[in-house]
Amino acid sequence: MMFVFAYLGKQESGWPVHLMYQTETAFVAVALTCLVLSPFLKRAVTCIVAAVIGGISAGFGLIMPFELAPFFFGARGEVMLGSILLIFVYPVAAAFFIVVFLFIMKSTRDKIRNS
């Protein structure tokens, strides 16, 4: 998510940077779509599926730039190896965002039902 917002409007050259922008844009779009559509989902199962998809997209969108940036911007070998360790952070970030998405969905649906 950070690459999309930080470099919005900049024209960097090279396919790796362009690919990173496209991937980040896709993660942001999926996460926001799940969040926006969640109040309109009627069944609990579809809310859970939307929360999982949105949470994974948000988690990957947050961690991926930190992991891949050294590869794209020519960092030293130690930095690249260190960034690979961020692979272990993906499940934690995804779980965190799934819980956040479920909380937001539940509170939004409760507000809509009570009004």
PDB file of N, CA and C in Angstrom:
ATOM      1  N   MET A   1       0.818  -1.190   0.000  1.00  0.00           N
ATOM      2  CA  MET A   1       0.000   0.000   0.000  1.00  0.00           C
ATOM      3  C   MET A   1       0.861   1.252   0.000  1.00  0.00           C
ATOM      4  N   MET A   2       1.982   1.154   0.650  1.00  0.00           N
ATOM      5  CA  MET A   2       2.819   2.326   0.789  1.00  0.00           C
ATOM      6  C   MET A   2       3.381   2.786  -0.549  1.00  0.00           C
ATOM      7  N   PHE A   3       3.757   1.845  -1.415  1.00  0.00           N
ATOM      8  CA  PHE A   3       4.314   2.232  -2.700  1.00  0.00           C
ATOM      9  C   PHE A   3       3.277   2.949  -3.552  1.00  0.00           C
ATOM     10  N   VAL A   4       2.036   2.518  -3.482  1.00  0.00           N
ATOM     11  CA  VAL A   4       0.990   3.151  -4.287  1.00  0.00           C
ATOM     12  C   VAL A   4       0.811   4.593  -3.862  1.00  0.00           C
ATOM     13  N   PHE A   5       0.713   4.833  -2.569  1.00  0.00           N
ATOM     14  CA  PHE A   5       0.441   6.183  -2.096  1.00  0.00           C
ATOM     15  C   PHE A   5       1.692   7.065  -2.093  1.00  0.00           C
ATOM     16  N   ALA A   6       2.841   6.478  -1.799  1.00  0.00           N
ATOM     17  CA  ALA A   6       4.066   7.274  -1.732  1.00  0.00           C
ATOM     18  C   ALA A   6       4.533   7.724  -3.112  1.00  0.00           C
ATOM     19  N   TYR A   7       4.333   6.904  -4.119  1.00  0.00           N
ATOM     20  CA  TYR A   7       4.828   7.216  -5.450  1.00  0.00           C
ATOM     21  C   TYR A   7       3.719   7.558  -6.427  1.00  0.00           C
ATOM     22  N   LEU A   8       2.568   7.908  -5.923  1.00  0.00           N
ATOM     23  CA  LEU A   8       1.448   8.258  -6.786  1.00  0.00           C
ATOM     24  C   LEU A   8       1.834   9.468  -7.645  1.00  0.00           C
ATOM     25  N   GLY A   9       1.773   9.296  -8.923  1.00  0.00           N
ATOM     26  CA  GLY A   9       2.086  10.374  -9.828  1.00  0.00           C
ATOM     27  C   GLY A   9       3.527  10.408 -10.310  1.00  0.00           C
ATOM     28  N   LYS A  10       4.420   9.700  -9.656  1.00  0.00           N
ATOM     29  CA  LYS A  10       5.808   9.666 -10.111  1.00  0.00           C
ATOM     30  C   LYS A  10       5.936   8.665 -11.252  1.00  0.00           C
ATOM     31  N   GLN A  11       6.799   8.961 -12.171  1.00  0.00           N
ATOM     32  CA  GLN A  11       7.023   8.080 -13.309  1.00  0.00           C
ATOM     33  C   GLN A  11       8.412   7.466 -13.189  1.00  0.00           C
ATOM     34  N   GLU A  12       8.539   6.414 -12.416  1.00  0.00           N
ATOM     35  CA  GLU A  12       9.807   5.706 -12.287  1.00  0.00           C
ATOM     36  C   GLU A  12       9.963   4.785 -13.491  1.00  0.00           C
ATOM     37  N   SER A  13      11.179   4.584 -13.928  1.00  0.00           N
ATOM     38  CA  SER A  13      11.397   3.710 -15.071  1.00  0.00           C
ATOM     39  C   SER A  13      11.819   2.331 -14.592  1.00  0.00           C
ATOM     40  N   GLY A  14      11.654   1.362 -15.439  1.00  0.00           N
ATOM     41  CA  GLY A  14      12.068   0.003 -15.124  1.00  0.00           C
ATOM     42  C   GLY A  14      10.883  -0.873 -14.781  1.00  0.00           C
ATOM     43  N   TRP A  15      10.934  -2.088 -15.273  1.00  0.00           N
ATOM     44  CA  TRP A  15       9.811  -2.993 -15.057  1.00  0.00           C
ATOM     45  C   TRP A  15       9.642  -3.416 -13.606  1.00  0.00           C
ATOM     46  N   PRO A  16      10.688  -3.592 -12.787  1.00  0.00           N
ATOM     47  CA  PRO A  16      10.407  -4.051 -11.423  1.00  0.00           C
ATOM     48  C   PRO A  16       9.620  -3.034 -10.617  1.00  0.00           C
ATOM     49  N   VAL A  17       9.949  -1.772 -10.775  1.00  0.00           N
ATOM     50  CA  VAL A  17       9.234  -0.741 -10.029  1.00  0.00           C
ATOM     51  C   VAL A  17       7.802  -0.638 -10.526  1.00  0.00           C
ATOM     52  N   HIS A  18       7.628  -0.689 -11.824  1.00  0.00           N
ATOM     53  CA  HIS A  18       6.282  -0.632 -12.403  1.00  0.00           C
ATOM     54  C   HIS A  18       5.444  -1.836 -11.946  1.00  0.00           C
ATOM     55  N   LEU A  19       6.053  -3.008 -11.921  1.00  0.00           N
ATOM     56  CA  LEU A  19       5.348  -4.203 -11.451  1.00  0.00           C
ATOM     57  C   LEU A  19       4.961  -4.072  -9.982  1.00  0.00           C
ATOM     58  N   MET A  20       5.858  -3.489  -9.185  1.00  0.00           N
ATOM     59  CA  MET A  20       5.557  -3.284  -7.767  1.00  0.00           C
ATOM     60  C   MET A  20       4.364  -2.355  -7.600  1.00  0.00           C
ATOM     61  N   TYR A  21       4.300  -1.285  -8.384  1.00  0.00           N
ATOM     62  CA  TYR A  21       3.162  -0.366  -8.310  1.00  0.00           C
ATOM     63  C   TYR A  21       1.862  -1.077  -8.659  1.00  0.00           C
ATOM     64  N   GLN A  22       1.892  -1.873  -9.716  1.00  0.00           N
ATOM     65  CA  GLN A  22       0.682  -2.585 -10.133  1.00  0.00           C
ATOM     66  C   GLN A  22       0.230  -3.586  -9.076  1.00  0.00           C
ATOM     67  N   THR A  23       1.173  -4.309  -8.496  1.00  0.00           N
ATOM     68  CA  THR A  23       0.833  -5.287  -7.477  1.00  0.00           C
ATOM     69  C   THR A  23       0.261  -4.606  -6.241  1.00  0.00           C
ATOM     70  N   GLU A  24       0.889  -3.538  -5.824  1.00  0.00           N
ATOM     71  CA  GLU A  24       0.400  -2.803  -4.661  1.00  0.00           C
ATOM     72  C   GLU A  24      -0.989  -2.222  -4.928  1.00  0.00           C
ATOM     73  N   THR A  25      -1.209  -1.719  -6.132  1.00  0.00           N
ATOM     74  CA  THR A  25      -2.521  -1.188  -6.487  1.00  0.00           C
ATOM     75  C   THR A  25      -3.583  -2.281  -6.410  1.00  0.00           C
ATOM     76  N   ALA A  26      -3.254  -3.472  -6.869  1.00  0.00           N
ATOM     77  CA  ALA A  26      -4.199  -4.589  -6.800  1.00  0.00           C
ATOM     78  C   ALA A  26      -4.512  -4.947  -5.343  1.00  0.00           C
ATOM     79  N   PHE A  27      -3.503  -4.994  -4.481  1.00  0.00           N
ATOM     80  CA  PHE A  27      -3.742  -5.300  -3.070  1.00  0.00           C
ATOM     81  C   PHE A  27      -4.617  -4.232  -2.410  1.00  0.00           C
ATOM     82  N   VAL A  28      -4.345  -2.977  -2.694  1.00  0.00           N
ATOM     83  CA  VAL A  28      -5.148  -1.892  -2.134  1.00  0.00           C
ATOM     84  C   VAL A  28      -6.589  -1.984  -2.630  1.00  0.00           C
ATOM     85  N   ALA A  29      -6.771  -2.238  -3.913  1.00  0.00           N
ATOM     86  CA  ALA A  29      -8.118  -2.329  -4.491  1.00  0.00           C
ATOM     87  C   ALA A  29      -8.909  -3.475  -3.877  1.00  0.00           C
ATOM     88  N   VAL A  30      -8.282  -4.620  -3.716  1.00  0.00           N
ATOM     89  CA  VAL A  30      -8.990  -5.771  -3.131  1.00  0.00           C
ATOM     90  C   VAL A  30      -9.358  -5.498  -1.682  1.00  0.00           C
ATOM     91  N   ALA A  31      -8.428  -4.959  -0.907  1.00  0.00           N
ATOM     92  CA  ALA A  31      -8.702  -4.683   0.504  1.00  0.00           C
ATOM     93  C   ALA A  31      -9.824  -3.659   0.657  1.00  0.00           C
ATOM     94  N   LEU A  32      -9.776  -2.579  -0.121  1.00  0.00           N
ATOM     95  CA  LEU A  32     -10.822  -1.557  -0.024  1.00  0.00           C
ATOM     96  C   LEU A  32     -12.171  -2.059  -0.523  1.00  0.00           C
ATOM     97  N   THR A  33     -12.161  -2.877  -1.573  1.00  0.00           N
ATOM     98  CA  THR A  33     -13.412  -3.439  -2.078  1.00  0.00           C
ATOM     99  C   THR A  33     -14.070  -4.325  -1.032  1.00  0.00           C
ATOM    100  N   CYS A  34     -13.296  -5.160  -0.383  1.00  0.00           N
ATOM    101  CA  CYS A  34     -13.850  -6.022   0.671  1.00  0.00           C
ATOM    102  C   CYS A  34     -14.407  -5.196   1.817  1.00  0.00           C
ATOM    103  N   LEU A  35     -13.718  -4.136   2.172  1.00  0.00           N
ATOM    104  CA  LEU A  35     -14.157  -3.292   3.278  1.00  0.00           C
ATOM    105  C   LEU A  35     -15.425  -2.526   2.934  1.00  0.00           C
ATOM    106  N   VAL A  36     -15.509  -2.011   1.706  1.00  0.00           N
ATOM    107  CA  VAL A  36     -16.675  -1.228   1.295  1.00  0.00           C
ATOM    108  C   VAL A  36     -17.908  -2.113   1.098  1.00  0.00           C
ATOM    109  N   LEU A  37     -17.712  -3.298   0.550  1.00  0.00           N
ATOM    110  CA  LEU A  37     -18.850  -4.182   0.283  1.00  0.00           C
ATOM    111  C   LEU A  37     -19.334  -4.938   1.520  1.00  0.00           C
ATOM    112  N   SER A  38     -18.541  -4.995   2.556  1.00  0.00           N
ATOM    113  CA  SER A  38     -18.877  -5.811   3.723  1.00  0.00           C
ATOM    114  C   SER A  38     -20.212  -5.469   4.394  1.00  0.00           C
ATOM    115  N   PRO A  39     -20.608  -4.200   4.509  1.00  0.00           N
ATOM    116  CA  PRO A  39     -21.907  -3.940   5.150  1.00  0.00           C
ATOM    117  C   PRO A  39     -23.094  -4.488   4.371  1.00  0.00           C
ATOM    118  N   PHE A  40     -22.911  -4.743   3.091  1.00  0.00           N
ATOM    119  CA  PHE A  40     -24.009  -5.207   2.258  1.00  0.00           C
ATOM    120  C   PHE A  40     -24.100  -6.729   2.182  1.00  0.00           C
ATOM    121  N   LEU A  41     -23.161  -7.423   2.784  1.00  0.00           N
ATOM    122  CA  LEU A  41     -23.179  -8.883   2.770  1.00  0.00           C
ATOM    123  C   LEU A  41     -24.142  -9.378   3.832  1.00  0.00           C
ATOM    124  N   LYS A  42     -25.016 -10.276   3.452  1.00  0.00           N
ATOM    125  CA  LYS A  42     -26.077 -10.726   4.351  1.00  0.00           C
ATOM    126  C   LYS A  42     -25.666 -11.919   5.215  1.00  0.00           C
ATOM    127  N   ARG A  43     -24.927 -12.846   4.646  1.00  0.00           N
ATOM    128  CA  ARG A  43     -24.590 -14.076   5.361  1.00  0.00           C
ATOM    129  C   ARG A  43     -23.260 -13.932   6.085  1.00  0.00           C
ATOM    130  N   ALA A  44     -23.170 -14.572   7.225  1.00  0.00           N
ATOM    131  CA  ALA A  44     -21.945 -14.510   8.024  1.00  0.00           C
ATOM    132  C   ALA A  44     -20.768 -15.136   7.285  1.00  0.00           C
ATOM    133  N   VAL A  45     -21.038 -16.188   6.524  1.00  0.00           N
ATOM    134  CA  VAL A  45     -19.964 -16.866   5.797  1.00  0.00           C
ATOM    135  C   VAL A  45     -19.336 -15.933   4.771  1.00  0.00           C
ATOM    136  N   THR A  46     -20.145 -15.188   4.056  1.00  0.00           N
ATOM    137  CA  THR A  46     -19.594 -14.267   3.062  1.00  0.00           C
ATOM    138  C   THR A  46     -18.825 -13.127   3.729  1.00  0.00           C
ATOM    139  N   CYS A  47     -19.268 -12.712   4.906  1.00  0.00           N
ATOM    140  CA  CYS A  47     -18.509 -11.691   5.646  1.00  0.00           C
ATOM    141  C   CYS A  47     -17.146 -12.222   6.064  1.00  0.00           C
ATOM    142  N   ILE A  48     -17.112 -13.455   6.508  1.00  0.00           N
ATOM    143  CA  ILE A  48     -15.841 -14.053   6.915  1.00  0.00           C
ATOM    144  C   ILE A  48     -14.913 -14.197   5.716  1.00  0.00           C
ATOM    145  N   VAL A  49     -15.459 -14.643   4.581  1.00  0.00           N
ATOM    146  CA  VAL A  49     -14.643 -14.784   3.363  1.00  0.00           C
ATOM    147  C   VAL A  49     -14.115 -13.418   2.926  1.00  0.00           C
ATOM    148  N   ALA A  50     -14.963 -12.399   2.959  1.00  0.00           N
ATOM    149  CA  ALA A  50     -14.514 -11.051   2.584  1.00  0.00           C
ATOM    150  C   ALA A  50     -13.449 -10.540   3.553  1.00  0.00           C
ATOM    151  N   ALA A  51     -13.608 -10.838   4.835  1.00  0.00           N
ATOM    152  CA  ALA A  51     -12.611 -10.413   5.826  1.00  0.00           C
ATOM    153  C   ALA A  51     -11.284 -11.118   5.598  1.00  0.00           C
ATOM    154  N   VAL A  52     -11.333 -12.407   5.268  1.00  0.00           N
ATOM    155  CA  VAL A  52     -10.099 -13.156   5.020  1.00  0.00           C
ATOM    156  C   VAL A  52      -9.397 -12.627   3.771  1.00  0.00           C
ATOM    157  N   ILE A  53     -10.139 -12.454   2.703  1.00  0.00           N
ATOM    158  CA  ILE A  53      -9.537 -11.947   1.457  1.00  0.00           C
ATOM    159  C   ILE A  53      -9.004 -10.531   1.654  1.00  0.00           C
ATOM    160  N   GLY A  54      -9.792  -9.671   2.270  1.00  0.00           N
ATOM    161  CA  GLY A  54      -9.345  -8.305   2.519  1.00  0.00           C
ATOM    162  C   GLY A  54      -8.169  -8.245   3.480  1.00  0.00           C
ATOM    163  N   GLY A  55      -8.199  -9.082   4.513  1.00  0.00           N
ATOM    164  CA  GLY A  55      -7.107  -9.103   5.481  1.00  0.00           C
ATOM    165  C   GLY A  55      -5.803  -9.594   4.885  1.00  0.00           C
ATOM    166  N   ILE A  56      -5.881 -10.629   4.080  1.00  0.00           N
ATOM    167  CA  ILE A  56      -4.671 -11.131   3.419  1.00  0.00           C
ATOM    168  C   ILE A  56      -4.129 -10.085   2.446  1.00  0.00           C
ATOM    169  N   SER A  57      -5.014  -9.441   1.703  1.00  0.00           N
ATOM    170  CA  SER A  57      -4.566  -8.402   0.764  1.00  0.00           C
ATOM    171  C   SER A  57      -3.915  -7.241   1.499  1.00  0.00           C
ATOM    172  N   ALA A  58      -4.511  -6.822   2.603  1.00  0.00           N
ATOM    173  CA  ALA A  58      -3.930  -5.721   3.369  1.00  0.00           C
ATOM    174  C   ALA A  58      -2.597  -6.129   3.982  1.00  0.00           C
ATOM    175  N   GLY A  59      -2.520  -7.343   4.508  1.00  0.00           N
ATOM    176  CA  GLY A  59      -1.268  -7.827   5.096  1.00  0.00           C
ATOM    177  C   GLY A  59      -0.154  -7.924   4.076  1.00  0.00           C
ATOM    178  N   PHE A  60      -0.456  -8.506   2.933  1.00  0.00           N
ATOM    179  CA  PHE A  60       0.551  -8.610   1.873  1.00  0.00           C
ATOM    180  C   PHE A  60       0.922  -7.225   1.351  1.00  0.00           C
ATOM    181  N   GLY A  61      -0.065  -6.359   1.210  1.00  0.00           N
ATOM    182  CA  GLY A  61       0.203  -5.014   0.723  1.00  0.00           C
ATOM    183  C   GLY A  61       1.075  -4.205   1.659  1.00  0.00           C
ATOM    184  N   LEU A  62       1.030  -4.520   2.941  1.00  0.00           N
ATOM    185  CA  LEU A  62       1.855  -3.803   3.902  1.00  0.00           C
ATOM    186  C   LEU A  62       3.271  -4.355   3.980  1.00  0.00           C
ATOM    187  N   ILE A  63       3.430  -5.670   3.951  1.00  0.00           N
ATOM    188  CA  ILE A  63       4.736  -6.292   4.163  1.00  0.00           C
ATOM    189  C   ILE A  63       5.551  -6.386   2.873  1.00  0.00           C
ATOM    190  N   MET A  64       4.903  -6.638   1.750  1.00  0.00           N
ATOM    191  CA  MET A  64       5.608  -6.887   0.502  1.00  0.00           C
ATOM    192  C   MET A  64       6.584  -5.782   0.094  1.00  0.00           C
ATOM    193  N   PRO A  65       6.232  -4.508   0.224  1.00  0.00           N
ATOM    194  CA  PRO A  65       7.211  -3.476  -0.178  1.00  0.00           C
ATOM    195  C   PRO A  65       8.503  -3.545   0.630  1.00  0.00           C
ATOM    196  N   PHE A  66       8.391  -3.823   1.920  1.00  0.00           N
ATOM    197  CA  PHE A  66       9.588  -3.922   2.744  1.00  0.00           C
ATOM    198  C   PHE A  66      10.433  -5.122   2.349  1.00  0.00           C
ATOM    199  N   GLU A  67       9.765  -6.202   1.954  1.00  0.00           N
ATOM    200  CA  GLU A  67      10.497  -7.406   1.589  1.00  0.00           C
ATOM    201  C   GLU A  67      11.194  -7.257   0.234  1.00  0.00           C
ATOM    202  N   LEU A  68      10.503  -6.677  -0.735  1.00  0.00           N
ATOM    203  CA  LEU A  68      11.011  -6.652  -2.100  1.00  0.00           C
ATOM    204  C   LEU A  68      11.791  -5.396  -2.466  1.00  0.00           C
ATOM    205  N   ALA A  69      11.662  -4.349  -1.705  1.00  0.00           N
ATOM    206  CA  ALA A  69      12.341  -3.098  -2.050  1.00  0.00           C
ATOM    207  C   ALA A  69      13.846  -3.254  -2.217  1.00  0.00           C
ATOM    208  N   PRO A  70      14.543  -3.997  -1.345  1.00  0.00           N
ATOM    209  CA  PRO A  70      15.991  -4.141  -1.557  1.00  0.00           C
ATOM    210  C   PRO A  70      16.351  -4.783  -2.896  1.00  0.00           C
ATOM    211  N   PHE A  71      15.523  -5.705  -3.370  1.00  0.00           N
ATOM    212  CA  PHE A  71      15.789  -6.350  -4.651  1.00  0.00           C
ATOM    213  C   PHE A  71      15.639  -5.356  -5.799  1.00  0.00           C
ATOM    214  N   PHE A  72      14.634  -4.496  -5.718  1.00  0.00           N
ATOM    215  CA  PHE A  72      14.351  -3.575  -6.804  1.00  0.00           C
ATOM    216  C   PHE A  72      15.263  -2.358  -6.820  1.00  0.00           C
ATOM    217  N   PHE A  73      15.798  -2.000  -5.660  1.00  0.00           N
ATOM    218  CA  PHE A  73      16.564  -0.767  -5.580  1.00  0.00           C
ATOM    219  C   PHE A  73      18.041  -1.002  -5.329  1.00  0.00           C
ATOM    220  N   GLY A  74      18.527  -2.215  -5.594  1.00  0.00           N
ATOM    221  CA  GLY A  74      19.946  -2.505  -5.586  1.00  0.00           C
ATOM    222  C   GLY A  74      20.626  -2.423  -4.233  1.00  0.00           C
ATOM    223  N   ALA A  75      20.032  -2.987  -3.216  1.00  0.00           N
ATOM    224  CA  ALA A  75      20.647  -2.975  -1.888  1.00  0.00           C
ATOM    225  C   ALA A  75      21.734  -4.039  -1.800  1.00  0.00           C
ATOM    226  N   ARG A  76      22.531  -3.959  -0.754  1.00  0.00           N
ATOM    227  CA  ARG A  76      23.591  -4.943  -0.522  1.00  0.00           C
ATOM    228  C   ARG A  76      22.981  -6.307  -0.194  1.00  0.00           C
ATOM    229  N   GLY A  77      23.796  -7.330  -0.294  1.00  0.00           N
ATOM    230  CA  GLY A  77      23.353  -8.701  -0.059  1.00  0.00           C
ATOM    231  C   GLY A  77      22.801  -8.942   1.327  1.00  0.00           C
ATOM    232  N   GLU A  78      23.412  -8.323   2.352  1.00  0.00           N
ATOM    233  CA  GLU A  78      22.934  -8.533   3.716  1.00  0.00           C
ATOM    234  C   GLU A  78      21.529  -7.977   3.900  1.00  0.00           C
ATOM    235  N   VAL A  79      21.278  -6.837   3.293  1.00  0.00           N
ATOM    236  CA  VAL A  79      19.950  -6.233   3.394  1.00  0.00           C
ATOM    237  C   VAL A  79      18.923  -7.111   2.692  1.00  0.00           C
ATOM    238  N   MET A  80      19.301  -7.664   1.540  1.00  0.00           N
ATOM    239  CA  MET A  80      18.384  -8.551   0.815  1.00  0.00           C
ATOM    240  C   MET A  80      18.069  -9.793   1.636  1.00  0.00           C
ATOM    241  N   LEU A  81      19.078 -10.393   2.237  1.00  0.00           N
ATOM    242  CA  LEU A  81      18.840 -11.579   3.061  1.00  0.00           C
ATOM    243  C   LEU A  81      17.992 -11.240   4.278  1.00  0.00           C
ATOM    244  N   GLY A  82      18.236 -10.087   4.865  1.00  0.00           N
ATOM    245  CA  GLY A  82      17.431  -9.662   6.005  1.00  0.00           C
ATOM    246  C   GLY A  82      15.980  -9.437   5.636  1.00  0.00           C
ATOM    247  N   SER A  83      15.749  -8.917   4.444  1.00  0.00           N
ATOM    248  CA  SER A  83      14.370  -8.663   4.036  1.00  0.00           C
ATOM    249  C   SER A  83      13.609  -9.953   3.760  1.00  0.00           C
ATOM    250  N   ILE A  84      14.314 -11.021   3.433  1.00  0.00           N
ATOM    251  CA  ILE A  84      13.648 -12.304   3.201  1.00  0.00           C
ATOM    252  C   ILE A  84      13.014 -12.822   4.487  1.00  0.00           C
ATOM    253  N   LEU A  85      13.576 -12.464   5.630  1.00  0.00           N
ATOM    254  CA  LEU A  85      13.004 -12.884   6.907  1.00  0.00           C
ATOM    255  C   LEU A  85      11.605 -12.314   7.130  1.00  0.00           C
ATOM    256  N   LEU A  86      11.253 -11.281   6.391  1.00  0.00           N
ATOM    257  CA  LEU A  86       9.908 -10.715   6.516  1.00  0.00           C
ATOM    258  C   LEU A  86       8.835 -11.680   6.022  1.00  0.00           C
ATOM    259  N   ILE A  87       9.228 -12.735   5.339  1.00  0.00           N
ATOM    260  CA  ILE A  87       8.260 -13.744   4.911  1.00  0.00           C
ATOM    261  C   ILE A  87       7.510 -14.298   6.117  1.00  0.00           C
ATOM    262  N   PHE A  88       8.189 -14.380   7.247  1.00  0.00           N
ATOM    263  CA  PHE A  88       7.554 -14.911   8.456  1.00  0.00           C
ATOM    264  C   PHE A  88       6.563 -13.929   9.067  1.00  0.00           C
ATOM    265  N   VAL A  89       6.574 -12.692   8.642  1.00  0.00           N
ATOM    266  CA  VAL A  89       5.655 -11.689   9.168  1.00  0.00           C
ATOM    267  C   VAL A  89       4.320 -11.711   8.414  1.00  0.00           C
ATOM    268  N   TYR A  90       4.295 -12.250   7.210  1.00  0.00           N
ATOM    269  CA  TYR A  90       3.056 -12.287   6.424  1.00  0.00           C
ATOM    270  C   TYR A  90       1.877 -12.902   7.178  1.00  0.00           C
ATOM    271  N   PRO A  91       2.016 -14.101   7.769  1.00  0.00           N
ATOM    272  CA  PRO A  91       0.852 -14.670   8.467  1.00  0.00           C
ATOM    273  C   PRO A  91       0.381 -13.823   9.642  1.00  0.00           C
ATOM    274  N   VAL A  92       1.317 -13.219  10.358  1.00  0.00           N
ATOM    275  CA  VAL A  92       0.952 -12.383  11.500  1.00  0.00           C
ATOM    276  C   VAL A  92       0.194 -11.145  11.028  1.00  0.00           C
ATOM    277  N   ALA A  93       0.689 -10.494   9.984  1.00  0.00           N
ATOM    278  CA  ALA A  93       0.018  -9.312   9.449  1.00  0.00           C
ATOM    279  C   ALA A  93      -1.351  -9.673   8.881  1.00  0.00           C
ATOM    280  N   ALA A  94      -1.438 -10.790   8.177  1.00  0.00           N
ATOM    281  CA  ALA A  94      -2.726 -11.211   7.616  1.00  0.00           C
ATOM    282  C   ALA A  94      -3.724 -11.505   8.729  1.00  0.00           C
ATOM    283  N   ALA A  95      -3.306 -12.204   9.776  1.00  0.00           N
ATOM    284  CA  ALA A  95      -4.201 -12.512  10.899  1.00  0.00           C
ATOM    285  C   ALA A  95      -4.670 -11.231  11.580  1.00  0.00           C
ATOM    286  N   PHE A  96      -3.748 -10.299  11.773  1.00  0.00           N
ATOM    287  CA  PHE A  96      -4.114  -9.020  12.385  1.00  0.00           C
ATOM    288  C   PHE A  96      -5.177  -8.304  11.557  1.00  0.00           C
ATOM    289  N   PHE A  97      -4.957  -8.203  10.255  1.00  0.00           N
ATOM    290  CA  PHE A  97      -5.901  -7.488   9.411  1.00  0.00           C
ATOM    291  C   PHE A  97      -7.223  -8.234   9.267  1.00  0.00           C
ATOM    292  N   ILE A  98      -7.210  -9.552   9.324  1.00  0.00           N
ATOM    293  CA  ILE A  98      -8.474 -10.305   9.290  1.00  0.00           C
ATOM    294  C   ILE A  98      -9.312  -9.959  10.511  1.00  0.00           C
ATOM    295  N   VAL A  99      -8.679  -9.916  11.671  1.00  0.00           N
ATOM    296  CA  VAL A  99      -9.401  -9.550  12.901  1.00  0.00           C
ATOM    297  C   VAL A  99      -9.919  -8.116  12.803  1.00  0.00           C
ATOM    298  N   VAL A 100      -9.102  -7.213  12.291  1.00  0.00           N
ATOM    299  CA  VAL A 100      -9.535  -5.817  12.127  1.00  0.00           C
ATOM    300  C   VAL A 100     -10.709  -5.731  11.153  1.00  0.00           C
ATOM    301  N   PHE A 101     -10.622  -6.438  10.046  1.00  0.00           N
ATOM    302  CA  PHE A 101     -11.718  -6.426   9.069  1.00  0.00           C
ATOM    303  C   PHE A 101     -12.996  -6.992   9.679  1.00  0.00           C
ATOM    304  N   LEU A 102     -12.903  -8.090  10.409  1.00  0.00           N
ATOM    305  CA  LEU A 102     -14.098  -8.664  11.045  1.00  0.00           C
ATOM    306  C   LEU A 102     -14.707  -7.687  12.037  1.00  0.00           C
ATOM    307  N   PHE A 103     -13.875  -7.009  12.823  1.00  0.00           N
ATOM    308  CA  PHE A 103     -14.376  -6.028  13.781  1.00  0.00           C
ATOM    309  C   PHE A 103     -15.077  -4.876  13.075  1.00  0.00           C
ATOM    310  N   ILE A 104     -14.453  -4.354  12.027  1.00  0.00           N
ATOM    311  CA  ILE A 104     -15.060  -3.244  11.280  1.00  0.00           C
ATOM    312  C   ILE A 104     -16.362  -3.686  10.634  1.00  0.00           C
ATOM    313  N   MET A 105     -16.359  -4.882  10.044  1.00  0.00           N
ATOM    314  CA  MET A 105     -17.578  -5.384   9.400  1.00  0.00           C
ATOM    315  C   MET A 105     -18.704  -5.557  10.404  1.00  0.00           C
ATOM    316  N   LYS A 106     -18.388  -6.111  11.562  1.00  0.00           N
ATOM    317  CA  LYS A 106     -19.412  -6.335  12.584  1.00  0.00           C
ATOM    318  C   LYS A 106     -19.966  -5.017  13.099  1.00  0.00           C
ATOM    319  N   SER A 107     -19.100  -4.063  13.382  1.00  0.00           N
ATOM    320  CA  SER A 107     -19.578  -2.783  13.895  1.00  0.00           C
ATOM    321  C   SER A 107     -20.378  -2.020  12.836  1.00  0.00           C
ATOM    322  N   THR A 108     -19.962  -2.094  11.588  1.00  0.00           N
ATOM    323  CA  THR A 108     -20.694  -1.421  10.516  1.00  0.00           C
ATOM    324  C   THR A 108     -22.059  -2.055  10.303  1.00  0.00           C
ATOM    325  N   ARG A 109     -22.105  -3.381  10.304  1.00  0.00           N
ATOM    326  CA  ARG A 109     -23.390  -4.067  10.125  1.00  0.00           C
ATOM    327  C   ARG A 109     -24.324  -3.793  11.290  1.00  0.00           C
ATOM    328  N   ASP A 110     -23.781  -3.733  12.510  1.00  0.00           N
ATOM    329  CA  ASP A 110     -24.617  -3.429  13.687  1.00  0.00           C
ATOM    330  C   ASP A 110     -25.193  -2.020  13.606  1.00  0.00           C
ATOM    331  N   LYS A 111     -24.396  -1.067  13.147  1.00  0.00           N
ATOM    332  CA  LYS A 111     -24.882   0.325  13.007  1.00  0.00           C
ATOM    333  C   LYS A 111     -25.976   0.407  11.965  1.00  0.00           C
ATOM    334  N   ILE A 112     -25.819  -0.322  10.862  1.00  0.00           N
ATOM    335  CA  ILE A 112     -26.818  -0.296   9.804  1.00  0.00           C
ATOM    336  C   ILE A 112     -28.116  -0.935  10.282  1.00  0.00           C
ATOM    337  N   ARG A 113     -28.015  -2.033  11.010  1.00  0.00           N
ATOM    338  CA  ARG A 113     -29.216  -2.722  11.507  1.00  0.00           C
ATOM    339  C   ARG A 113     -29.937  -1.891  12.564  1.00  0.00           C
ATOM    340  N   ASN A 114     -29.212  -1.164  13.401  1.00  0.00           N
ATOM    341  CA  ASN A 114     -29.831  -0.386  14.471  1.00  0.00           C
ATOM    342  C   ASN A 114     -30.404   0.935  13.985  1.00  0.00           C
ATOM    343  N   SER A 115     -30.053   1.367  12.808  1.00  0.00           N
ATOM    344  CA  SER A 115     -30.579   2.649  12.326  1.00  0.00           C
ATOM    345  C   SER A 115     -31.828   2.478  11.515  1.00  0.00           C
TER     346      SER A 115
END
